[in-house]
Amino acid sequence: MMQLDSIHHVALTVSDLEKSRAFYRDVLGLQEIERPPFGFPGAWFQVGDSQHVHLIVHDQATYRTGKALDTRDVHFAVRVSDYWAAAAHLKSCGYAPEAADEMKRIIISPRATAGFPQMYIMDPDRHVIEINSAKLSPA
């Protein structure tokens, strides 16, 4: 039997590398790391100690075009140590549950059915990102 140790990376196709690079750096606070000299544009970001998010520009990509934020659609999740601090940061970036710009909408579920607090946003290409915490810290 094969034993999986961890997820190494999540690869996401992006339509505008600089816009996505800014989102992953400025909104999610990820550190960009060195990327091999592939023959196509992209960027790599560090998540935690050993995981990555790889952004790839690909002319044959599949996107969630026109789809609204949906917690049950394809997504990946990242964990934060302070749920409310993360929510406050996203609010300072313009995210709100009823934002006029659907790309700035956030779903906040501090007492989610999953048993841990969750929130959801979309990146510039409508990839859904869950942000969760092991426990709900005091607000």
Protein backbone atom coordinates (compact mmCIF):
# COMPACT_ATOMS: atom_id res chain seq x y z
CA MET A 1 0.00 0.00 0.00
CA MET A 2 1.19 3.51 -0.78
CA GLN A 3 1.47 5.92 2.16
CA LEU A 4 0.95 9.61 1.44
CA ASP A 5 2.88 11.91 3.77
CA SER A 6 1.44 15.30 2.86
CA ILE A 7 0.19 17.49 0.06
CA HIS A 8 3.22 19.05 -1.61
CA HIS A 9 1.49 21.67 -3.76
CA VAL A 10 -1.71 22.85 -5.33
CA ALA A 11 -1.38 24.01 -8.96
CA LEU A 12 -3.78 26.66 -10.21
CA THR A 13 -4.12 28.05 -13.70
CA VAL A 14 -4.28 31.83 -13.87
CA SER A 15 -5.20 34.22 -16.66
CA ASP A 16 -3.31 37.28 -15.38
CA LEU A 17 -0.11 36.30 -13.58
CA GLU A 18 0.59 39.71 -12.06
CA LYS A 19 -2.96 40.10 -10.73
CA SER A 20 -2.84 36.61 -9.22
CA ARG A 21 0.68 37.14 -7.88
CA ALA A 22 -0.56 40.27 -6.06
CA PHE A 23 -3.57 38.39 -4.62
CA TYR A 24 -1.53 35.49 -3.23
CA ARG A 25 1.13 37.87 -1.89
CA ASP A 26 -0.96 40.77 -0.57
CA VAL A 27 -4.32 39.19 0.33
CA LEU A 28 -3.22 35.73 1.47
CA GLY A 29 0.19 36.91 2.68
CA LEU A 30 2.17 34.11 1.00
CA GLN A 31 5.89 34.40 0.32
CA GLU A 32 6.90 33.95 -3.32
CA ILE A 33 9.68 31.40 -3.72
CA GLU A 34 12.09 30.49 -6.50
CA ARG A 35 10.60 28.60 -9.42
CA PRO A 36 12.47 26.45 -11.95
CA PRO A 37 12.91 28.00 -15.42
CA PHE A 38 9.94 26.30 -17.06
CA GLY A 39 9.04 27.24 -20.63
CA PHE A 40 5.79 28.89 -19.51
CA PRO A 41 4.98 31.72 -17.11
CA GLY A 42 4.07 31.09 -13.49
CA ALA A 43 4.92 31.73 -9.86
CA TRP A 44 5.39 29.59 -6.75
CA PHE A 45 4.39 30.51 -3.19
CA GLN A 46 5.30 28.91 0.14
CA VAL A 47 2.49 27.75 2.44
CA GLY A 48 3.57 26.73 5.93
CA ASP A 49 6.80 24.76 6.21
CA SER A 50 6.68 22.57 3.12
CA GLN A 51 3.60 23.13 0.97
CA HIS A 52 3.31 25.34 -2.10
CA VAL A 53 0.77 27.01 -4.34
CA HIS A 54 1.93 26.94 -7.97
CA LEU A 55 0.39 29.47 -10.35
CA ILE A 56 0.52 28.49 -14.01
CA VAL A 57 -0.38 30.50 -17.11
CA HIS A 58 -1.89 28.02 -19.57
CA ASP A 59 -3.83 28.86 -22.73
CA GLN A 60 -5.93 25.66 -22.46
CA ALA A 61 -6.95 26.24 -18.82
CA THR A 62 -10.35 25.48 -17.33
CA TYR A 63 -11.90 28.19 -15.14
CA ARG A 64 -15.06 28.60 -13.06
CA THR A 65 -16.09 31.39 -15.45
CA GLY A 66 -19.17 33.27 -14.28
CA LYS A 67 -19.66 31.11 -11.18
CA ALA A 68 -20.36 32.69 -7.82
CA LEU A 69 -18.61 31.82 -4.59
CA ASP A 70 -19.72 28.28 -3.70
CA THR A 71 -18.38 26.42 -0.66
CA ARG A 72 -19.12 23.02 -2.18
CA ASP A 73 -17.36 23.62 -5.49
CA VAL A 74 -13.74 22.59 -6.08
CA HIS A 75 -11.53 24.38 -3.56
CA PHE A 76 -8.44 24.08 -1.44
CA ALA A 77 -8.14 24.99 2.22
CA VAL A 78 -5.46 26.75 4.22
CA ARG A 79 -5.33 26.94 8.00
CA VAL A 80 -4.71 30.07 10.05
CA SER A 81 -3.89 30.30 13.75
CA ASP A 82 -6.27 33.22 14.43
CA TYR A 83 -9.62 33.10 12.63
CA TRP A 84 -10.78 36.60 13.62
CA ALA A 85 -7.44 38.21 12.72
CA ALA A 86 -7.68 36.60 9.27
CA ALA A 87 -11.28 37.84 8.90
CA ALA A 88 -10.21 41.36 9.93
CA HIS A 89 -7.36 41.30 7.40
CA LEU A 90 -9.71 40.23 4.61
CA LYS A 91 -12.17 42.95 5.63
CA SER A 92 -9.31 45.49 5.38
CA CYS A 93 -8.73 44.19 1.83
CA GLY A 94 -12.35 44.97 0.94
CA TYR A 95 -13.96 41.55 1.50
CA ALA A 96 -17.50 41.52 2.90
CA PRO A 97 -20.44 39.08 2.86
CA GLU A 98 -22.58 41.45 0.79
CA ALA A 99 -19.82 43.14 -1.27
CA ALA A 100 -21.12 44.77 -4.45
CA ASP A 101 -18.12 43.29 -6.30
CA GLU A 102 -18.76 39.54 -6.26
CA MET A 103 -14.99 38.96 -6.39
CA LYS A 104 -14.78 40.57 -2.94
CA ARG A 105 -17.49 38.45 -1.34
CA ILE A 106 -16.67 36.31 1.65
CA ILE A 107 -18.62 33.58 3.37
CA ILE A 108 -17.90 33.62 7.10
CA SER A 109 -18.90 30.56 9.17
CA PRO A 110 -17.35 30.80 12.64
CA ARG A 111 -19.46 27.89 13.89
CA ALA A 112 -19.42 25.73 10.76
CA THR A 113 -20.93 22.25 10.66
CA ALA A 114 -17.43 20.90 9.92
CA GLY A 115 -16.55 21.44 13.59
CA PHE A 116 -14.01 24.21 12.98
CA PRO A 117 -14.42 27.83 11.86
CA GLN A 118 -14.32 28.43 8.11
CA MET A 119 -14.47 31.29 5.62
CA TYR A 120 -14.38 31.27 1.84
CA ILE A 121 -13.17 33.72 -0.81
CA MET A 122 -12.26 33.53 -4.50
CA ASP A 123 -8.99 34.44 -6.18
CA PRO A 124 -8.95 36.61 -9.35
CA ASP A 125 -9.72 33.53 -11.53
CA ARG A 126 -12.59 32.39 -9.29
CA HIS A 127 -10.66 29.55 -7.64
CA VAL A 128 -12.39 28.98 -4.30
CA ILE A 129 -10.19 29.16 -1.20
CA GLU A 130 -11.29 28.00 2.24
CA ILE A 131 -9.54 29.62 5.19
CA ASN A 132 -10.07 27.76 8.44
CA SER A 133 -8.75 27.51 11.97
CA ALA A 134 -8.42 24.66 14.45
CA LYS A 135 -10.49 26.61 16.97
CA LEU A 136 -12.41 29.84 17.30
CA SER A 137 -10.36 32.40 19.19
CA PRO A 138 -12.16 35.15 21.12
CA ALA A 139 -13.31 37.98 18.84
